[in-house]
N, C-alpha and C. Protein backbone atom coordinates (compact mmCIF):
# COMPACT_ATOMS: atom_id res chain seq x y z
N UNK A 1 35.17 83.27 127.30
CA UNK A 1 34.55 82.34 126.39
C UNK A 1 33.55 83.03 125.50
N UNK A 2 33.83 84.22 125.09
CA UNK A 2 32.92 84.94 124.21
C UNK A 2 32.87 84.33 122.82
N UNK A 3 33.77 83.39 122.53
CA UNK A 3 33.82 82.84 121.18
C UNK A 3 32.66 81.92 120.88
N UNK A 4 31.94 81.46 121.89
CA UNK A 4 30.78 80.62 121.64
C UNK A 4 29.85 80.65 122.83
N UNK A 5 28.60 80.41 122.57
CA UNK A 5 27.64 80.24 123.66
C UNK A 5 26.89 78.93 123.48
N UNK A 6 27.33 78.09 122.55
CA UNK A 6 26.64 76.83 122.31
C UNK A 6 27.08 75.81 123.36
N UNK A 7 26.13 75.26 124.11
CA UNK A 7 26.49 74.29 125.15
C UNK A 7 27.30 73.11 124.63
N UNK A 8 27.02 72.67 123.41
CA UNK A 8 27.78 71.52 122.89
C UNK A 8 29.24 71.87 122.67
N UNK A 9 29.55 73.13 122.33
CA UNK A 9 30.94 73.54 122.19
C UNK A 9 31.62 73.59 123.55
N UNK A 10 30.90 74.10 124.54
CA UNK A 10 31.45 74.14 125.90
C UNK A 10 31.68 72.72 126.39
N UNK A 11 30.70 71.84 126.13
CA UNK A 11 30.85 70.44 126.55
C UNK A 11 32.07 69.81 125.89
N UNK A 12 32.33 70.15 124.63
CA UNK A 12 33.49 69.60 123.93
C UNK A 12 34.78 70.02 124.62
N UNK A 13 34.84 71.27 125.09
CA UNK A 13 36.06 71.70 125.79
C UNK A 13 36.22 70.97 127.11
N UNK A 14 35.11 70.72 127.78
CA UNK A 14 35.16 69.98 129.05
C UNK A 14 35.62 68.56 128.80
N UNK A 15 35.04 67.92 127.79
CA UNK A 15 35.44 66.55 127.46
C UNK A 15 36.92 66.48 127.14
N UNK A 16 37.41 67.45 126.40
CA UNK A 16 38.83 67.49 126.05
C UNK A 16 39.68 67.62 127.30
N UNK A 17 39.29 68.52 128.19
CA UNK A 17 40.05 68.70 129.43
C UNK A 17 40.06 67.42 130.25
N UNK A 18 38.92 66.78 130.39
CA UNK A 18 38.85 65.57 131.20
C UNK A 18 39.73 64.47 130.61
N UNK A 19 39.79 64.43 129.30
CA UNK A 19 40.59 63.41 128.63
C UNK A 19 42.08 63.60 128.89
N UNK A 20 42.53 64.84 128.95
CA UNK A 20 43.96 65.12 129.06
C UNK A 20 44.35 65.72 130.41
N UNK A 21 43.46 65.65 131.39
CA UNK A 21 43.71 66.29 132.68
C UNK A 21 45.01 65.81 133.32
N UNK A 22 45.25 64.52 133.27
CA UNK A 22 46.44 63.98 133.92
C UNK A 22 47.56 63.65 132.94
N UNK A 23 47.38 64.00 131.70
CA UNK A 23 48.36 63.65 130.68
C UNK A 23 48.41 64.75 129.63
N UNK A 24 49.43 65.57 129.67
CA UNK A 24 49.53 66.68 128.72
C UNK A 24 49.94 66.22 127.32
N UNK A 25 50.40 64.98 127.19
CA UNK A 25 50.79 64.48 125.87
C UNK A 25 49.58 64.49 124.95
N UNK A 26 49.70 65.16 123.84
CA UNK A 26 48.64 65.19 122.85
C UNK A 26 47.61 66.30 123.06
N UNK A 27 47.74 67.07 124.14
CA UNK A 27 46.75 68.11 124.44
C UNK A 27 46.71 69.18 123.34
N UNK A 28 47.87 69.66 122.92
CA UNK A 28 47.90 70.70 121.90
C UNK A 28 47.29 70.22 120.59
N UNK A 29 47.59 68.98 120.22
CA UNK A 29 47.03 68.42 118.99
C UNK A 29 45.52 68.29 119.11
N UNK A 30 45.05 67.89 120.29
CA UNK A 30 43.61 67.74 120.50
C UNK A 30 42.92 69.10 120.43
N UNK A 31 43.55 70.12 120.98
CA UNK A 31 42.98 71.47 120.91
C UNK A 31 42.90 71.93 119.46
N UNK A 32 43.94 71.66 118.69
CA UNK A 32 43.91 72.04 117.27
C UNK A 32 42.80 71.31 116.53
N UNK A 33 42.63 70.01 116.82
CA UNK A 33 41.57 69.24 116.17
C UNK A 33 40.19 69.79 116.54
N UNK A 34 40.00 70.08 117.83
CA UNK A 34 38.71 70.62 118.27
C UNK A 34 38.46 71.98 117.64
N UNK A 35 39.49 72.81 117.53
CA UNK A 35 39.35 74.12 116.90
C UNK A 35 38.88 73.98 115.46
N UNK A 36 39.44 73.02 114.74
CA UNK A 36 39.00 72.78 113.37
C UNK A 36 37.54 72.35 113.33
N UNK A 37 37.15 71.46 114.24
CA UNK A 37 35.77 70.98 114.29
C UNK A 37 34.79 72.11 114.57
N UNK A 38 35.19 73.02 115.46
CA UNK A 38 34.29 74.11 115.87
C UNK A 38 34.41 75.34 114.99
N UNK A 39 35.41 75.35 114.11
CA UNK A 39 35.63 76.52 113.27
C UNK A 39 36.16 77.71 114.05
N UNK A 40 36.98 77.42 115.07
CA UNK A 40 37.55 78.45 115.92
C UNK A 40 39.06 78.37 115.88
N UNK A 41 39.72 79.38 116.43
CA UNK A 41 41.18 79.35 116.48
C UNK A 41 41.63 78.47 117.64
N UNK A 42 42.80 77.84 117.50
CA UNK A 42 43.32 77.04 118.61
C UNK A 42 43.49 77.86 119.89
N UNK A 43 43.85 79.14 119.76
CA UNK A 43 44.02 79.94 120.98
C UNK A 43 42.69 80.16 121.70
N UNK A 44 41.60 80.32 120.95
CA UNK A 44 40.28 80.50 121.57
C UNK A 44 39.85 79.22 122.28
N UNK A 45 40.05 78.09 121.61
CA UNK A 45 39.69 76.81 122.23
C UNK A 45 40.60 76.55 123.43
N UNK A 46 41.88 76.86 123.30
CA UNK A 46 42.81 76.68 124.42
C UNK A 46 42.40 77.51 125.62
N UNK A 47 41.95 78.74 125.38
CA UNK A 47 41.50 79.60 126.48
C UNK A 47 40.26 79.01 127.15
N UNK A 48 39.37 78.45 126.35
CA UNK A 48 38.18 77.82 126.92
C UNK A 48 38.56 76.61 127.77
N UNK A 49 39.49 75.81 127.26
CA UNK A 49 39.95 74.65 128.02
C UNK A 49 40.63 75.10 129.31
N UNK A 50 41.41 76.17 129.24
CA UNK A 50 42.06 76.68 130.45
C UNK A 50 41.04 77.13 131.49
N UNK A 51 39.93 77.71 131.03
CA UNK A 51 38.87 78.10 131.96
C UNK A 51 38.29 76.87 132.64
N UNK A 52 38.13 75.79 131.88
CA UNK A 52 37.63 74.54 132.46
C UNK A 52 38.64 74.00 133.46
N UNK A 53 39.92 74.08 133.14
CA UNK A 53 40.97 73.61 134.05
C UNK A 53 40.86 74.37 135.38
N UNK A 54 40.66 75.67 135.30
CA UNK A 54 40.56 76.48 136.52
C UNK A 54 39.34 76.08 137.34
N UNK A 55 38.20 75.91 136.68
CA UNK A 55 36.98 75.50 137.38
C UNK A 55 37.17 74.13 138.00
N UNK A 56 37.81 73.22 137.26
CA UNK A 56 38.06 71.87 137.76
C UNK A 56 38.92 71.92 139.02
N UNK A 57 39.93 72.77 139.00
CA UNK A 57 40.82 72.88 140.16
C UNK A 57 40.09 73.44 141.37
N UNK A 58 39.05 74.22 141.13
CA UNK A 58 38.30 74.83 142.23
C UNK A 58 37.20 73.93 142.77
N UNK A 59 36.94 72.79 142.10
CA UNK A 59 35.91 71.87 142.59
C UNK A 59 36.44 71.19 143.85
N UNK A 60 35.90 71.56 144.99
CA UNK A 60 36.43 71.05 146.25
C UNK A 60 35.79 69.73 146.68
N UNK A 61 34.69 69.35 146.05
CA UNK A 61 34.01 68.13 146.49
C UNK A 61 34.57 66.87 145.86
N UNK A 62 35.56 67.01 145.00
CA UNK A 62 36.18 65.84 144.39
C UNK A 62 35.45 65.33 143.17
N UNK A 63 34.32 65.91 142.84
CA UNK A 63 33.59 65.46 141.66
C UNK A 63 34.17 66.14 140.43
N UNK A 64 34.43 65.36 139.42
CA UNK A 64 34.96 65.91 138.18
C UNK A 64 34.09 65.50 137.00
N UNK A 65 32.81 65.29 137.28
CA UNK A 65 31.90 64.92 136.20
C UNK A 65 31.70 66.12 135.29
N UNK A 66 31.56 65.88 134.00
CA UNK A 66 31.33 67.01 133.07
C UNK A 66 30.16 67.88 133.47
N UNK A 67 29.08 67.29 133.98
CA UNK A 67 27.92 68.10 134.35
C UNK A 67 28.26 69.08 135.46
N UNK A 68 29.08 68.65 136.42
CA UNK A 68 29.50 69.53 137.51
C UNK A 68 30.34 70.67 136.97
N UNK A 69 31.28 70.34 136.09
CA UNK A 69 32.14 71.37 135.50
C UNK A 69 31.34 72.32 134.63
N UNK A 70 30.41 71.78 133.86
CA UNK A 70 29.61 72.62 132.96
C UNK A 70 28.76 73.59 133.77
N UNK A 71 28.14 73.12 134.85
CA UNK A 71 27.35 74.00 135.70
C UNK A 71 28.23 75.10 136.29
N UNK A 72 29.39 74.72 136.79
CA UNK A 72 30.30 75.72 137.38
C UNK A 72 30.75 76.73 136.33
N UNK A 73 31.03 76.25 135.12
CA UNK A 73 31.47 77.15 134.06
C UNK A 73 30.34 78.07 133.64
N UNK A 74 29.12 77.54 133.54
CA UNK A 74 27.98 78.38 133.22
C UNK A 74 27.81 79.45 134.29
N UNK A 75 27.90 79.06 135.56
CA UNK A 75 27.75 80.02 136.66
C UNK A 75 28.82 81.10 136.55
N UNK A 76 30.06 80.69 136.29
CA UNK A 76 31.18 81.63 136.24
C UNK A 76 31.06 82.58 135.05
N UNK A 77 30.66 82.06 133.91
CA UNK A 77 30.65 82.85 132.68
C UNK A 77 29.30 83.47 132.36
N UNK A 78 28.29 83.14 133.14
CA UNK A 78 26.96 83.68 132.86
C UNK A 78 26.38 83.13 131.57
N UNK A 79 26.76 81.92 131.23
CA UNK A 79 26.27 81.32 130.00
C UNK A 79 24.87 80.75 130.23
N UNK A 80 24.08 80.62 129.17
CA UNK A 80 22.73 80.10 129.33
C UNK A 80 22.75 78.67 129.87
N UNK A 81 21.78 78.34 130.67
CA UNK A 81 21.73 77.02 131.30
C UNK A 81 21.00 76.00 130.45
N UNK A 82 20.22 76.43 129.48
CA UNK A 82 19.46 75.47 128.68
C UNK A 82 20.38 74.68 127.79
N UNK A 83 20.15 73.38 127.75
CA UNK A 83 20.94 72.51 126.86
C UNK A 83 20.05 72.06 125.74
């Protein structure tokens, strides 16, 4: 996730993942839209979303709240914790 360190961009990838977690229909289009909004390439945004997917799959407590995922992603990527 070297393409951004802005928490709001990371949060956007988490929100996107949560929205399409159980439904892949429209995921690619949503990634393209988010990439346009963030001024990034779809592949960079897709990689960020995939990282969120991996963290989500590793959440063993059953919580899938964005704050839980964001904390785990920050821990994994060494991203700043300040929002």
